[in-house]
Amino acid sequence: MARVSFELLIAPISQATSAAELRKALTAQGYSVLGDDELNFPSGPEARGWLEIGDLDQRGHQLQNDLARVIQPEIERPP
């Protein structure tokens, strides 16, 4: 079975980038990028936030195509 690439691509550039570039692009689109311990949640009718939590990103790089089988347990895992 062919491996699927899990590189982050941001249009219209369409070249691999980093998590820092993703956060920068989200901020440019009006998202508040939140940290694990941050309580400064966006508010208001147009508020949008992005929170990275758990180990899904790291595990996705490790597991590649097998990531789907661990998503539900990871979501249900206590912090």
C-alpha atoms as a PDB file:
ATOM      1  CA  MET A   1       0.000   0.000   0.000  1.00  0.00           C
ATOM      2  CA  ALA A   2       1.347   3.426  -0.949  1.00  0.00           C
ATOM      3  CA  ARG A   3       2.115   5.841   1.874  1.00  0.00           C
ATOM      4  CA  VAL A   4       0.137   9.073   2.002  1.00  0.00           C
ATOM      5  CA  SER A   5       2.074  12.280   2.554  1.00  0.00           C
ATOM      6  CA  PHE A   6       0.983  14.230   5.609  1.00  0.00           C
ATOM      7  CA  GLU A   7       2.897  17.381   4.742  1.00  0.00           C
ATOM      8  CA  LEU A   8       1.106  20.633   5.404  1.00  0.00           C
ATOM      9  CA  LEU A   9       0.263  22.559   2.227  1.00  0.00           C
ATOM     10  CA  ILE A  10      -1.141  26.070   2.289  1.00  0.00           C
ATOM     11  CA  ALA A  11      -2.845  27.277  -0.902  1.00  0.00           C
ATOM     12  CA  PRO A  12      -2.064  29.025  -3.191  1.00  0.00           C
ATOM     13  CA  ILE A  13       1.616  28.314  -2.480  1.00  0.00           C
ATOM     14  CA  SER A  14       1.129  24.512  -2.559  1.00  0.00           C
ATOM     15  CA  GLN A  15       4.509  23.691  -1.108  1.00  0.00           C
ATOM     16  CA  ALA A  16       5.301  21.947   2.169  1.00  0.00           C
ATOM     17  CA  THR A  17       5.447  24.252   5.160  1.00  0.00           C
ATOM     18  CA  SER A  18       5.669  24.121   8.955  1.00  0.00           C
ATOM     19  CA  ALA A  19       3.354  24.340  11.953  1.00  0.00           C
ATOM     20  CA  ALA A  20       4.631  27.886  12.560  1.00  0.00           C
ATOM     21  CA  GLU A  21       3.573  28.864   9.035  1.00  0.00           C
ATOM     22  CA  LEU A  22       0.152  27.297   9.617  1.00  0.00           C
ATOM     23  CA  ARG A  23      -0.305  29.358  12.783  1.00  0.00           C
ATOM     24  CA  LYS A  24       0.790  32.490  10.894  1.00  0.00           C
ATOM     25  CA  ALA A  25      -1.736  31.779   8.112  1.00  0.00           C
ATOM     26  CA  LEU A  26      -4.515  31.129  10.643  1.00  0.00           C
ATOM     27  CA  THR A  27      -3.762  34.413  12.402  1.00  0.00           C
ATOM     28  CA  ALA A  28      -3.854  36.230   9.067  1.00  0.00           C
ATOM     29  CA  GLN A  29      -7.344  34.762   8.497  1.00  0.00           C
ATOM     30  CA  GLY A  30      -8.606  36.117  11.831  1.00  0.00           C
ATOM     31  CA  TYR A  31      -8.132  33.068  14.046  1.00  0.00           C
ATOM     32  CA  SER A  32      -6.811  33.387  17.589  1.00  0.00           C
ATOM     33  CA  VAL A  33      -4.123  30.724  18.030  1.00  0.00           C
ATOM     34  CA  LEU A  34      -4.426  29.461  21.602  1.00  0.00           C
ATOM     35  CA  GLY A  35      -1.854  27.730  23.771  1.00  0.00           C
ATOM     36  CA  ASP A  36      -2.477  24.632  25.919  1.00  0.00           C
ATOM     37  CA  ASP A  37      -2.776  26.606  29.148  1.00  0.00           C
ATOM     38  CA  GLU A  38      -4.350  29.742  27.701  1.00  0.00           C
ATOM     39  CA  LEU A  39      -7.720  30.905  28.985  1.00  0.00           C
ATOM     40  CA  ASN A  40      -7.999  33.913  26.652  1.00  0.00           C
ATOM     41  CA  PHE A  41     -10.657  32.384  24.401  1.00  0.00           C
ATOM     42  CA  PRO A  42     -11.969  34.485  21.534  1.00  0.00           C
ATOM     43  CA  SER A  43     -15.464  35.876  22.040  1.00  0.00           C
ATOM     44  CA  GLY A  44     -18.078  37.507  19.858  1.00  0.00           C
ATOM     45  CA  PRO A  45     -20.192  36.396  16.925  1.00  0.00           C
ATOM     46  CA  GLU A  46     -17.265  36.321  14.478  1.00  0.00           C
ATOM     47  CA  ALA A  47     -14.693  34.848  16.891  1.00  0.00           C
ATOM     48  CA  ARG A  48     -12.593  31.931  15.663  1.00  0.00           C
ATOM     49  CA  GLY A  49      -9.926  30.056  17.536  1.00  0.00           C
ATOM     50  CA  TRP A  50      -7.357  27.316  16.877  1.00  0.00           C
ATOM     51  CA  LEU A  51      -6.136  25.039  19.647  1.00  0.00           C
ATOM     52  CA  GLU A  52      -3.645  22.240  19.249  1.00  0.00           C
ATOM     53  CA  ILE A  53      -4.108  19.646  21.944  1.00  0.00           C
ATOM     54  CA  GLY A  54      -3.102  16.065  22.524  1.00  0.00           C
ATOM     55  CA  ASP A  55      -0.629  14.045  20.501  1.00  0.00           C
ATOM     56  CA  LEU A  56      -2.513  13.680  17.197  1.00  0.00           C
ATOM     57  CA  ASP A  57      -0.024  15.695  15.166  1.00  0.00           C
ATOM     58  CA  GLN A  58       3.005  13.816  16.466  1.00  0.00           C
ATOM     59  CA  ARG A  59       1.241  10.462  16.224  1.00  0.00           C
ATOM     60  CA  GLY A  60       0.074  11.275  12.697  1.00  0.00           C
ATOM     61  CA  HIS A  61       3.676  11.683  11.592  1.00  0.00           C
ATOM     62  CA  GLN A  62       4.557   8.378  13.243  1.00  0.00           C
ATOM     63  CA  LEU A  63       1.522   6.324  12.195  1.00  0.00           C
ATOM     64  CA  GLN A  64       0.749   7.850   8.781  1.00  0.00           C
ATOM     65  CA  ASN A  65      -2.156   5.822   7.300  1.00  0.00           C
ATOM     66  CA  ASP A  66      -2.830   4.073  10.618  1.00  0.00           C
ATOM     67  CA  LEU A  67      -3.699   7.350  12.379  1.00  0.00           C
ATOM     68  CA  ALA A  68      -7.449   6.849  11.894  1.00  0.00           C
ATOM     69  CA  ARG A  69      -7.557   3.943  14.351  1.00  0.00           C
ATOM     70  CA  VAL A  70      -6.205   6.063  17.247  1.00  0.00           C
ATOM     71  CA  ILE A  71      -8.163   9.290  16.767  1.00  0.00           C
ATOM     72  CA  GLN A  72     -11.166   8.399  18.966  1.00  0.00           C
ATOM     73  CA  PRO A  73      -9.077   7.137  21.924  1.00  0.00           C
ATOM     74  CA  GLU A  74      -6.876  10.240  21.676  1.00  0.00           C
ATOM     75  CA  ILE A  75      -9.915  12.540  21.749  1.00  0.00           C
ATOM     76  CA  GLU A  76     -11.342  10.707  24.761  1.00  0.00           C
ATOM     77  CA  ARG A  77      -8.013  10.701  26.658  1.00  0.00           C
ATOM     78  CA  PRO A  78      -8.073  12.997  29.710  1.00  0.00           C
ATOM     79  CA  PRO A  79      -5.651  15.945  29.535  1.00  0.00           C
END
